[in-house]
Amino acid sequence: MKIKSIDIEEIGGIKQLHIDFDNNMNFICGPNGIGKTTILECVAHSFSVSRTNILKRNVSSVHGKFQAKIEVEGENKEANIVITDFAPDKESNFEGLYAHANKLLSLKVTRSFTYRALDSVGRDITKEGATLLTRLNLE
């Protein structure tokens, strides 16, 4: 099995990305926050059928989507996934090429933290000490 290419649109911080994978080996590298994990999650989710709250649409779009083109035993297959949810506590349903999941080895590090909804974010209180420091710096 070979993952030939992936097209990602409006998922996480990725607006639009097309990758043609090399037949031998591929490296995905770059600074934090560039979308490396999003690419790997899209590949892994191409072989799943479930609900997920890992992948989210871009905040400025109505939906996000990705399409993976995969060669399985000489036959070309496509996984087309649409993600509509953005809220951290909501899950998206999708169906990928789960029948071929036994041919996929996916290694990842889990970064998990508990999401807590905030009713609102209040304004910082004015502290007298901060005002005093500002006055001292101005003189």
Protein backbone atom coordinates (compact mmCIF):
# COMPACT_ATOMS: atom_id res chain seq x y z
CA MET A 1 0.00 0.00 0.00
CA LYS A 2 1.25 3.49 -0.88
CA ILE A 3 -0.19 6.85 -0.05
CA LYS A 4 0.21 8.68 -3.35
CA SER A 5 -1.04 12.16 -2.48
CA ILE A 6 -3.17 14.17 -0.12
CA ASP A 7 -5.11 17.40 -0.60
CA ILE A 8 -6.06 19.29 2.55
CA GLU A 9 -8.34 22.33 2.58
CA GLU A 10 -9.41 24.37 5.60
CA ILE A 11 -8.40 21.85 8.26
CA GLY A 12 -6.85 23.35 11.37
CA GLY A 13 -4.35 26.00 10.35
CA ILE A 14 -3.92 24.63 6.82
CA LYS A 15 -5.80 26.72 4.26
CA GLN A 16 -4.84 24.64 1.22
CA LEU A 17 -2.12 22.04 0.74
CA HIS A 18 -1.31 19.42 -1.88
CA ILE A 19 1.41 16.81 -1.28
CA ASP A 20 2.61 14.19 -3.75
CA PHE A 21 4.40 11.56 -1.68
CA ASP A 22 7.61 9.90 -2.85
CA ASN A 23 7.39 6.13 -3.40
CA ASN A 24 10.30 5.45 -1.04
CA MET A 25 10.46 7.78 1.95
CA ASN A 26 9.05 11.14 2.99
CA PHE A 27 10.01 13.56 5.74
CA ILE A 28 7.61 16.11 7.11
CA CYS A 29 9.49 18.74 9.06
CA GLY A 30 9.16 22.38 10.03
CA PRO A 31 8.60 24.71 12.95
CA ASN A 32 5.87 24.26 15.55
CA GLY A 33 2.37 25.15 14.44
CA ILE A 34 2.96 24.73 10.71
CA GLY A 35 0.61 21.70 10.34
CA LYS A 36 2.86 18.62 10.47
CA THR A 37 0.58 16.82 12.91
CA THR A 38 -2.50 17.85 10.91
CA ILE A 39 -1.01 16.21 7.80
CA LEU A 40 -0.30 12.98 9.70
CA GLU A 41 -3.75 12.98 11.32
CA CYS A 42 -5.39 13.42 7.90
CA VAL A 43 -3.43 10.45 6.56
CA ALA A 44 -4.33 8.30 9.59
CA HIS A 45 -7.99 9.35 9.51
CA SER A 46 -8.15 8.36 5.84
CA PHE A 47 -8.26 4.77 7.12
CA SER A 48 -10.83 5.23 9.89
CA VAL A 49 -14.53 5.04 10.32
CA SER A 50 -15.52 6.76 13.51
CA ARG A 51 -16.07 10.02 15.27
CA THR A 52 -13.22 12.35 16.04
CA ASN A 53 -12.60 15.61 17.83
CA ILE A 54 -8.92 15.66 16.80
CA LEU A 55 -9.38 17.22 13.36
CA LYS A 56 -11.25 20.51 13.20
CA ARG A 57 -12.26 22.75 10.33
CA ASN A 58 -10.54 26.09 10.00
CA VAL A 59 -12.32 28.75 12.07
CA SER A 60 -12.94 30.95 9.02
CA SER A 61 -14.58 28.25 6.88
CA VAL A 62 -17.90 26.40 6.87
CA HIS A 63 -16.19 23.02 6.50
CA GLY A 64 -12.79 21.50 5.96
CA LYS A 65 -11.95 18.52 3.82
CA PHE A 66 -9.16 16.27 2.75
CA GLN A 67 -8.73 13.73 0.00
CA ALA A 68 -6.10 11.01 0.09
CA LYS A 69 -5.19 9.01 -3.00
CA ILE A 70 -3.91 5.58 -2.06
CA GLU A 71 -2.64 2.63 -4.07
CA VAL A 72 -3.72 -0.71 -2.59
CA GLU A 73 -2.40 -3.84 -4.32
CA GLY A 74 -2.10 -1.99 -7.63
CA GLU A 75 -5.58 -0.45 -7.42
CA ASN A 76 -6.13 3.29 -6.85
CA LYS A 77 -8.51 4.26 -4.04
CA GLU A 78 -9.63 7.59 -2.64
CA ALA A 79 -10.65 8.66 0.84
CA ASN A 80 -12.77 11.81 0.88
CA ILE A 81 -13.43 13.25 4.33
CA VAL A 82 -15.38 16.39 5.28
CA ILE A 83 -15.05 17.97 8.73
CA THR A 84 -17.78 20.42 9.75
CA ASP A 85 -17.19 20.94 13.47
CA PHE A 86 -14.94 23.49 15.11
CA ALA A 87 -15.88 23.43 18.81
CA PRO A 88 -13.38 21.39 20.88
CA ASP A 89 -16.13 19.34 22.54
CA LYS A 90 -17.90 18.42 19.25
CA GLU A 91 -17.06 15.36 17.19
CA SER A 92 -17.25 14.87 13.42
CA ASN A 93 -18.42 11.60 11.87
CA PHE A 94 -16.58 10.30 8.84
CA GLU A 95 -15.89 7.17 6.87
CA GLY A 96 -12.51 6.51 5.28
CA LEU A 97 -10.92 3.43 3.76
CA TYR A 98 -11.23 1.47 7.01
CA ALA A 99 -11.13 -1.89 5.20
CA HIS A 100 -7.43 -1.23 4.54
CA ALA A 101 -6.54 -0.02 8.03
CA ASN A 102 -4.73 -3.29 8.78
CA LYS A 103 -2.09 -2.26 6.21
CA LEU A 104 -1.36 1.07 7.94
CA LEU A 105 1.24 1.61 10.63
CA SER A 106 0.61 4.93 12.36
CA LEU A 107 2.89 6.10 15.15
CA LYS A 108 2.11 9.24 17.04
CA VAL A 109 2.57 11.10 20.26
CA THR A 110 -0.60 12.05 22.04
CA ARG A 111 -0.86 15.57 23.32
CA SER A 112 -3.87 15.62 25.54
CA PHE A 113 -5.32 18.27 27.76
CA THR A 114 -8.80 18.69 29.10
CA TYR A 115 -10.95 21.26 27.36
CA ARG A 116 -12.88 23.55 29.70
CA ALA A 117 -15.50 25.86 28.30
CA LEU A 118 -15.37 29.40 29.64
CA ASP A 119 -18.58 31.34 30.15
CA SER A 120 -16.70 34.51 29.36
CA VAL A 121 -13.28 36.00 29.60
CA GLY A 122 -13.27 38.87 32.05
CA ARG A 123 -11.24 42.00 31.86
CA ASP A 124 -8.06 42.20 33.90
CA ILE A 125 -8.50 44.11 37.09
CA THR A 126 -6.57 47.35 37.43
CA LYS A 127 -3.90 47.02 40.05
CA GLU A 128 -2.59 50.04 41.87
CA GLY A 129 0.96 48.63 41.81
CA ALA A 130 0.93 48.47 38.01
CA THR A 131 -0.13 52.11 37.80
CA LEU A 132 2.65 53.11 40.16
CA LEU A 133 5.23 51.28 38.03
CA THR A 134 3.97 53.03 34.92
CA ARG A 135 4.33 56.42 36.59
CA LEU A 136 7.84 55.60 37.72
CA ASN A 137 8.86 54.58 34.19
CA LEU A 138 7.51 57.80 32.68
CA GLU A 139 9.59 60.11 34.88
